[in-house]
Amino acid sequence: LTVGNYGPVGDFMDFGRWSYVSVLVFVIVASIWLEVILRARVLRRPKRLLFTILPVVIPFLIWDAYAITQGHWYFDGSRILGLYLPAEIPVDELLFFIVIPFASILTLEAVRSVKGSKSARWLVGDETQ
């Protein structure tokens, strides 16, 4: 983990640097209620959640690393935190690859809880009839 060059100390607190993370926080806030109100039960199955998100995170981080090192892809340094993983991948991007699938899973499970997950049409993953 490396830290980008911020210049003056106050630069890190510049709202622009929090743009990417702010969008991710909005996504979490906009979807976490599904867990509580519609009883999506995603957080009660952490192993299942991990096995669902990891296959997304790993290949996309590899893809980003390749694209960044080849100069095909970049991140606006004024819109990200400035904390980097190896291969110059912003921490914000790692969070994106975790938050967006998490929100998607919450949405799917909320729909299943409302529609009835026992229906054969709504069985997913490791579930059987």
N, C-alpha and C. Protein backbone atom coordinates (compact mmCIF):
# COMPACT_ATOMS: atom_id res chain seq x y z
N LEU A 1 0.86 -1.18 0.00
CA LEU A 1 0.00 0.00 0.00
C LEU A 1 0.90 1.23 0.00
N THR A 2 0.70 2.09 -0.97
CA THR A 2 1.48 3.33 -1.02
C THR A 2 0.53 4.51 -0.98
N VAL A 3 1.07 5.65 -0.60
CA VAL A 3 0.29 6.87 -0.51
C VAL A 3 0.78 7.82 -1.58
N GLY A 4 -0.18 8.40 -2.33
CA GLY A 4 0.18 9.34 -3.38
C GLY A 4 0.76 10.62 -2.82
N ASN A 5 1.22 11.48 -3.69
CA ASN A 5 1.79 12.76 -3.30
C ASN A 5 0.67 13.78 -3.14
N TYR A 6 0.45 14.22 -1.92
CA TYR A 6 -0.63 15.15 -1.66
C TYR A 6 -0.21 16.61 -1.66
N GLY A 7 1.05 16.89 -1.50
CA GLY A 7 1.45 18.28 -1.36
C GLY A 7 1.11 18.74 0.04
N PRO A 8 0.48 19.92 0.16
CA PRO A 8 0.11 20.41 1.51
C PRO A 8 -0.80 19.43 2.22
N VAL A 9 -0.73 19.39 3.53
CA VAL A 9 -1.50 18.46 4.35
C VAL A 9 -2.99 18.55 4.06
N GLY A 10 -3.52 19.73 3.83
CA GLY A 10 -4.95 19.91 3.60
C GLY A 10 -5.45 19.28 2.32
N ASP A 11 -4.57 18.96 1.36
CA ASP A 11 -5.01 18.39 0.09
C ASP A 11 -5.77 17.08 0.27
N PHE A 12 -5.38 16.29 1.27
CA PHE A 12 -6.05 15.01 1.48
C PHE A 12 -7.50 15.22 1.89
N MET A 13 -7.79 16.33 2.53
CA MET A 13 -9.16 16.61 2.97
C MET A 13 -9.98 17.32 1.89
N ASP A 14 -9.41 17.56 0.74
CA ASP A 14 -10.14 18.15 -0.38
C ASP A 14 -11.28 17.20 -0.77
N PHE A 15 -12.51 17.71 -0.83
CA PHE A 15 -13.67 16.86 -1.11
C PHE A 15 -13.51 16.11 -2.43
N GLY A 16 -12.89 16.69 -3.41
CA GLY A 16 -12.70 16.03 -4.70
C GLY A 16 -12.04 14.67 -4.55
N ARG A 17 -11.11 14.55 -3.62
CA ARG A 17 -10.42 13.28 -3.39
C ARG A 17 -11.36 12.20 -2.88
N TRP A 18 -12.48 12.59 -2.34
CA TRP A 18 -13.43 11.65 -1.78
C TRP A 18 -14.57 11.32 -2.74
N SER A 19 -14.49 11.80 -3.98
CA SER A 19 -15.57 11.61 -4.96
C SER A 19 -15.91 10.14 -5.17
N TYR A 20 -14.91 9.34 -5.50
CA TYR A 20 -15.13 7.91 -5.80
C TYR A 20 -15.70 7.20 -4.57
N VAL A 21 -15.08 7.42 -3.44
CA VAL A 21 -15.53 6.77 -2.20
C VAL A 21 -16.92 7.25 -1.82
N SER A 22 -17.24 8.52 -2.07
CA SER A 22 -18.57 9.04 -1.76
C SER A 22 -19.65 8.31 -2.54
N VAL A 23 -19.38 8.02 -3.80
CA VAL A 23 -20.34 7.27 -4.62
C VAL A 23 -20.53 5.87 -4.03
N LEU A 24 -19.44 5.24 -3.60
CA LEU A 24 -19.53 3.91 -3.02
C LEU A 24 -20.31 3.93 -1.70
N VAL A 25 -20.10 4.95 -0.89
CA VAL A 25 -20.85 5.08 0.36
C VAL A 25 -22.33 5.25 0.04
N PHE A 26 -22.65 6.05 -0.97
CA PHE A 26 -24.05 6.22 -1.38
C PHE A 26 -24.66 4.87 -1.78
N VAL A 27 -23.92 4.07 -2.54
CA VAL A 27 -24.42 2.76 -2.97
C VAL A 27 -24.70 1.87 -1.76
N ILE A 28 -23.81 1.86 -0.79
CA ILE A 28 -24.00 1.05 0.42
C ILE A 28 -25.23 1.55 1.19
N VAL A 29 -25.31 2.85 1.41
CA VAL A 29 -26.44 3.41 2.17
C VAL A 29 -27.76 3.14 1.44
N ALA A 30 -27.74 3.24 0.11
CA ALA A 30 -28.95 3.04 -0.67
C ALA A 30 -29.39 1.58 -0.72
N SER A 31 -28.50 0.65 -0.41
CA SER A 31 -28.88 -0.75 -0.50
C SER A 31 -28.85 -1.53 0.80
N ILE A 32 -28.19 -1.04 1.84
CA ILE A 32 -28.07 -1.81 3.09
C ILE A 32 -29.43 -2.00 3.77
N TRP A 33 -30.34 -1.09 3.54
CA TRP A 33 -31.67 -1.23 4.15
C TRP A 33 -32.36 -2.51 3.71
N LEU A 34 -31.99 -3.02 2.53
CA LEU A 34 -32.58 -4.26 2.03
C LEU A 34 -32.29 -5.43 2.97
N GLU A 35 -31.13 -5.39 3.59
CA GLU A 35 -30.74 -6.44 4.54
C GLU A 35 -31.66 -6.43 5.75
N VAL A 36 -32.00 -5.26 6.23
CA VAL A 36 -32.78 -5.12 7.45
C VAL A 36 -34.29 -5.20 7.19
N ILE A 37 -34.77 -4.39 6.29
CA ILE A 37 -36.22 -4.27 6.07
C ILE A 37 -36.78 -5.47 5.31
N LEU A 38 -36.12 -5.88 4.24
CA LEU A 38 -36.64 -6.99 3.43
C LEU A 38 -36.00 -8.33 3.78
N ARG A 39 -35.18 -8.33 4.82
CA ARG A 39 -34.54 -9.56 5.31
C ARG A 39 -33.82 -10.33 4.21
N ALA A 40 -32.91 -9.64 3.54
CA ALA A 40 -32.15 -10.27 2.46
C ALA A 40 -31.22 -11.37 3.00
N ARG A 41 -30.78 -11.23 4.24
CA ARG A 41 -29.93 -12.23 4.91
C ARG A 41 -28.59 -12.48 4.23
N VAL A 42 -28.07 -11.48 3.60
CA VAL A 42 -26.76 -11.59 2.94
C VAL A 42 -25.64 -11.61 3.98
N LEU A 43 -25.73 -10.74 4.96
CA LEU A 43 -24.68 -10.66 5.98
C LEU A 43 -24.69 -11.85 6.93
N ARG A 44 -25.76 -12.60 6.96
CA ARG A 44 -25.82 -13.79 7.82
C ARG A 44 -25.12 -14.99 7.19
N ARG A 45 -24.71 -14.82 5.94
CA ARG A 45 -24.01 -15.90 5.23
C ARG A 45 -22.68 -15.35 4.68
N PRO A 46 -21.74 -15.03 5.58
CA PRO A 46 -20.50 -14.38 5.13
C PRO A 46 -19.65 -15.26 4.20
N LYS A 47 -19.65 -16.56 4.44
CA LYS A 47 -18.87 -17.45 3.59
C LYS A 47 -19.40 -17.43 2.15
N ARG A 48 -20.70 -17.50 2.03
CA ARG A 48 -21.34 -17.45 0.71
C ARG A 48 -21.06 -16.11 0.03
N LEU A 49 -21.14 -15.02 0.80
CA LEU A 49 -20.85 -13.69 0.27
C LEU A 49 -19.40 -13.61 -0.23
N LEU A 50 -18.48 -14.12 0.55
CA LEU A 50 -17.07 -14.11 0.17
C LEU A 50 -16.84 -14.91 -1.10
N PHE A 51 -17.44 -16.09 -1.20
CA PHE A 51 -17.27 -16.92 -2.40
C PHE A 51 -17.97 -16.34 -3.62
N THR A 52 -18.85 -15.39 -3.41
CA THR A 52 -19.51 -14.72 -4.53
C THR A 52 -18.70 -13.51 -4.99
N ILE A 53 -18.12 -12.79 -4.05
CA ILE A 53 -17.40 -11.56 -4.40
C ILE A 53 -15.97 -11.83 -4.87
N LEU A 54 -15.28 -12.79 -4.28
CA LEU A 54 -13.89 -13.06 -4.68
C LEU A 54 -13.71 -13.35 -6.17
N PRO A 55 -14.59 -14.13 -6.79
CA PRO A 55 -14.42 -14.36 -8.22
C PRO A 55 -14.59 -13.10 -9.07
N VAL A 56 -15.16 -12.06 -8.50
CA VAL A 56 -15.28 -10.78 -9.19
C VAL A 56 -14.02 -9.95 -8.94
N VAL A 57 -13.60 -9.87 -7.69
CA VAL A 57 -12.49 -9.01 -7.30
C VAL A 57 -11.18 -9.42 -7.97
N ILE A 58 -10.86 -10.69 -7.92
CA ILE A 58 -9.55 -11.15 -8.39
C ILE A 58 -9.33 -10.88 -9.89
N PRO A 59 -10.19 -11.34 -10.78
CA PRO A 59 -9.91 -11.09 -12.21
C PRO A 59 -9.97 -9.61 -12.58
N PHE A 60 -10.84 -8.85 -11.95
CA PHE A 60 -10.91 -7.43 -12.30
C PHE A 60 -9.73 -6.65 -11.77
N LEU A 61 -9.17 -7.03 -10.63
CA LEU A 61 -7.94 -6.39 -10.16
C LEU A 61 -6.78 -6.71 -11.10
N ILE A 62 -6.73 -7.95 -11.57
CA ILE A 62 -5.68 -8.33 -12.53
C ILE A 62 -5.84 -7.53 -13.82
N TRP A 63 -7.07 -7.43 -14.28
CA TRP A 63 -7.36 -6.66 -15.50
C TRP A 63 -6.97 -5.20 -15.32
N ASP A 64 -7.35 -4.60 -14.19
CA ASP A 64 -6.98 -3.21 -13.92
C ASP A 64 -5.47 -3.04 -13.87
N ALA A 65 -4.79 -3.96 -13.19
CA ALA A 65 -3.33 -3.87 -13.09
C ALA A 65 -2.70 -3.88 -14.48
N TYR A 66 -3.17 -4.77 -15.33
CA TYR A 66 -2.65 -4.84 -16.70
C TYR A 66 -2.93 -3.54 -17.46
N ALA A 67 -4.17 -3.08 -17.40
CA ALA A 67 -4.56 -1.88 -18.14
C ALA A 67 -3.80 -0.65 -17.65
N ILE A 68 -3.60 -0.55 -16.35
CA ILE A 68 -2.87 0.61 -15.79
C ILE A 68 -1.40 0.56 -16.21
N THR A 69 -0.78 -0.60 -16.06
CA THR A 69 0.65 -0.69 -16.40
C THR A 69 0.90 -0.51 -17.90
N GLN A 70 -0.07 -0.83 -18.73
CA GLN A 70 0.07 -0.66 -20.18
C GLN A 70 -0.33 0.74 -20.65
N GLY A 71 -0.85 1.55 -19.73
CA GLY A 71 -1.25 2.90 -20.07
C GLY A 71 -2.62 2.99 -20.74
N HIS A 72 -3.40 1.91 -20.70
CA HIS A 72 -4.73 1.91 -21.31
C HIS A 72 -5.79 2.51 -20.38
N TRP A 73 -5.47 2.57 -19.11
CA TRP A 73 -6.46 2.95 -18.10
C TRP A 73 -5.76 3.80 -17.06
N TYR A 74 -6.43 4.81 -16.58
CA TYR A 74 -5.87 5.62 -15.50
C TYR A 74 -6.99 6.15 -14.62
N PHE A 75 -6.62 6.68 -13.49
CA PHE A 75 -7.57 7.26 -12.56
C PHE A 75 -7.18 8.70 -12.31
N ASP A 76 -8.15 9.57 -12.32
CA ASP A 76 -7.92 10.99 -12.05
C ASP A 76 -7.48 11.14 -10.60
N GLY A 77 -6.25 11.51 -10.40
CA GLY A 77 -5.68 11.62 -9.06
C GLY A 77 -6.39 12.62 -8.17
N SER A 78 -7.13 13.55 -8.76
CA SER A 78 -7.84 14.53 -7.94
C SER A 78 -9.20 14.01 -7.47
N ARG A 79 -9.60 12.81 -7.92
CA ARG A 79 -10.91 12.24 -7.57
C ARG A 79 -10.82 10.94 -6.77
N ILE A 80 -9.61 10.54 -6.44
CA ILE A 80 -9.42 9.33 -5.65
C ILE A 80 -8.62 9.67 -4.39
N LEU A 81 -8.63 8.77 -3.43
CA LEU A 81 -7.96 9.04 -2.15
C LEU A 81 -6.45 9.20 -2.28
N GLY A 82 -5.87 8.52 -3.24
CA GLY A 82 -4.42 8.59 -3.38
C GLY A 82 -3.69 7.48 -2.65
N LEU A 83 -4.42 6.47 -2.22
CA LEU A 83 -3.83 5.28 -1.60
C LEU A 83 -3.82 4.20 -2.66
N TYR A 84 -2.67 3.57 -2.85
CA TYR A 84 -2.53 2.63 -3.96
C TYR A 84 -2.09 1.25 -3.50
N LEU A 85 -2.64 0.25 -4.18
CA LEU A 85 -2.21 -1.13 -4.04
C LEU A 85 -1.06 -1.34 -5.01
N PRO A 86 -0.44 -2.51 -5.02
CA PRO A 86 0.56 -2.77 -6.04
C PRO A 86 -0.02 -2.58 -7.45
N ALA A 87 0.84 -2.26 -8.39
CA ALA A 87 0.47 -2.00 -9.79
C ALA A 87 -0.33 -0.70 -9.92
N GLU A 88 -0.17 0.17 -8.93
CA GLU A 88 -0.82 1.49 -8.96
C GLU A 88 -2.34 1.44 -9.03
N ILE A 89 -2.93 0.39 -8.46
CA ILE A 89 -4.39 0.28 -8.39
C ILE A 89 -4.86 1.07 -7.17
N PRO A 90 -5.73 2.06 -7.37
CA PRO A 90 -6.22 2.82 -6.22
C PRO A 90 -7.06 1.95 -5.29
N VAL A 91 -6.95 2.18 -4.01
CA VAL A 91 -7.76 1.47 -3.02
C VAL A 91 -9.24 1.68 -3.33
N ASP A 92 -9.58 2.85 -3.85
CA ASP A 92 -10.96 3.15 -4.22
C ASP A 92 -11.50 2.11 -5.21
N GLU A 93 -10.65 1.68 -6.13
CA GLU A 93 -11.06 0.70 -7.14
C GLU A 93 -11.31 -0.67 -6.51
N LEU A 94 -10.47 -1.07 -5.57
CA LEU A 94 -10.70 -2.32 -4.84
C LEU A 94 -12.04 -2.25 -4.13
N LEU A 95 -12.32 -1.13 -3.49
CA LEU A 95 -13.60 -0.96 -2.80
C LEU A 95 -14.77 -1.06 -3.78
N PHE A 96 -14.60 -0.52 -4.98
CA PHE A 96 -15.63 -0.61 -6.01
C PHE A 96 -15.95 -2.07 -6.32
N PHE A 97 -14.90 -2.89 -6.48
CA PHE A 97 -15.08 -4.30 -6.83
C PHE A 97 -15.69 -5.10 -5.69
N ILE A 98 -15.73 -4.55 -4.50
CA ILE A 98 -16.38 -5.21 -3.37
C ILE A 98 -17.80 -4.66 -3.17
N VAL A 99 -17.94 -3.34 -3.20
CA VAL A 99 -19.21 -2.69 -2.90
C VAL A 99 -20.28 -2.97 -3.96
N ILE A 100 -19.95 -2.86 -5.23
CA ILE A 100 -20.96 -3.03 -6.28
C ILE A 100 -21.51 -4.46 -6.32
N PRO A 101 -20.66 -5.50 -6.28
CA PRO A 101 -21.24 -6.85 -6.20
C PRO A 101 -22.05 -7.06 -4.92
N PHE A 102 -21.60 -6.50 -3.81
CA PHE A 102 -22.34 -6.62 -2.55
C PHE A 102 -23.74 -6.01 -2.70
N ALA A 103 -23.83 -4.83 -3.29
CA ALA A 103 -25.13 -4.18 -3.50
C ALA A 103 -25.99 -5.00 -4.45
N SER A 104 -25.38 -5.58 -5.45
CA SER A 104 -26.13 -6.42 -6.40
C SER A 104 -26.69 -7.66 -5.72
N ILE A 105 -25.88 -8.27 -4.87
CA ILE A 105 -26.32 -9.46 -4.14
C ILE A 105 -27.45 -9.10 -3.18
N LEU A 106 -27.30 -7.96 -2.50
CA LEU A 106 -28.37 -7.50 -1.61
C LEU A 106 -29.67 -7.32 -2.38
N THR A 107 -29.58 -6.74 -3.57
CA THR A 107 -30.78 -6.51 -4.39
C THR A 107 -31.41 -7.84 -4.81
N LEU A 108 -30.60 -8.76 -5.30
CA LEU A 108 -31.11 -10.07 -5.71
C LEU A 108 -31.79 -10.78 -4.54
N GLU A 109 -31.12 -10.81 -3.40
CA GLU A 109 -31.67 -11.51 -2.25
C GLU A 109 -32.92 -10.83 -1.70
N ALA A 110 -32.99 -9.50 -1.81
CA ALA A 110 -34.20 -8.80 -1.38
C ALA A 110 -35.38 -9.16 -2.28
N VAL A 111 -35.14 -9.23 -3.59
CA VAL A 111 -36.20 -9.63 -4.52
C VAL A 111 -36.62 -11.06 -4.21
N ARG A 112 -35.66 -11.92 -3.96
CA ARG A 112 -35.98 -13.31 -3.63
C ARG A 112 -36.79 -13.40 -2.35
N SER A 113 -36.47 -12.56 -1.36
CA SER A 113 -37.21 -12.62 -0.10
C SER A 113 -38.65 -12.16 -0.29
N VAL A 114 -38.86 -11.22 -1.17
CA VAL A 114 -40.22 -10.73 -1.43
C VAL A 114 -40.98 -11.73 -2.30
N LYS A 115 -40.32 -12.27 -3.32
CA LYS A 115 -40.97 -13.20 -4.26
C LYS A 115 -41.08 -14.61 -3.71
N GLY A 116 -40.22 -14.95 -2.77
CA GLY A 116 -40.21 -16.31 -2.24
C GLY A 116 -39.07 -17.10 -2.83
N SER A 117 -38.01 -17.28 -2.08
CA SER A 117 -36.80 -17.92 -2.60
C SER A 117 -36.94 -19.43 -2.78
N LYS A 118 -38.00 -20.02 -2.28
CA LYS A 118 -38.16 -21.47 -2.41
C LYS A 118 -38.69 -21.87 -3.78
N SER A 119 -39.16 -20.92 -4.52
CA SER A 119 -39.64 -21.19 -5.87
C SER A 119 -38.46 -21.66 -6.73
N ALA A 120 -38.66 -22.65 -7.57
CA ALA A 120 -37.60 -23.18 -8.43
C ALA A 120 -37.00 -22.11 -9.33
N ARG A 121 -37.80 -21.11 -9.68
CA ARG A 121 -37.29 -20.02 -10.52
C ARG A 121 -36.26 -19.18 -9.80
N TRP A 122 -36.27 -19.15 -8.48
CA TRP A 122 -35.42 -18.26 -7.74
C TRP A 122 -34.27 -18.96 -7.02
N LEU A 123 -34.06 -20.24 -7.27
CA LEU A 123 -32.93 -20.93 -6.67
C LEU A 123 -31.64 -20.43 -7.31
N VAL A 124 -30.64 -20.16 -6.50
CA VAL A 124 -29.35 -19.69 -7.02
C VAL A 124 -28.21 -20.40 -6.31
N GLY A 125 -27.08 -20.43 -7.00
CA GLY A 125 -25.85 -20.93 -6.41
C GLY A 125 -25.93 -22.32 -5.84
N ASP A 126 -25.66 -22.43 -4.53
CA ASP A 126 -25.55 -23.72 -3.87
C ASP A 126 -26.90 -24.27 -3.38
N GLU A 127 -27.99 -23.65 -3.76
CA GLU A 127 -29.30 -24.10 -3.30
C GLU A 127 -29.82 -25.22 -4.18
N THR A 128 -30.56 -26.12 -3.57
CA THR A 128 -31.23 -27.18 -4.33
C THR A 128 -32.69 -27.23 -3.90
N GLN A 129 -33.48 -27.88 -4.70
CA GLN A 129 -34.92 -27.93 -4.40
C GLN A 129 -35.23 -28.81 -3.23
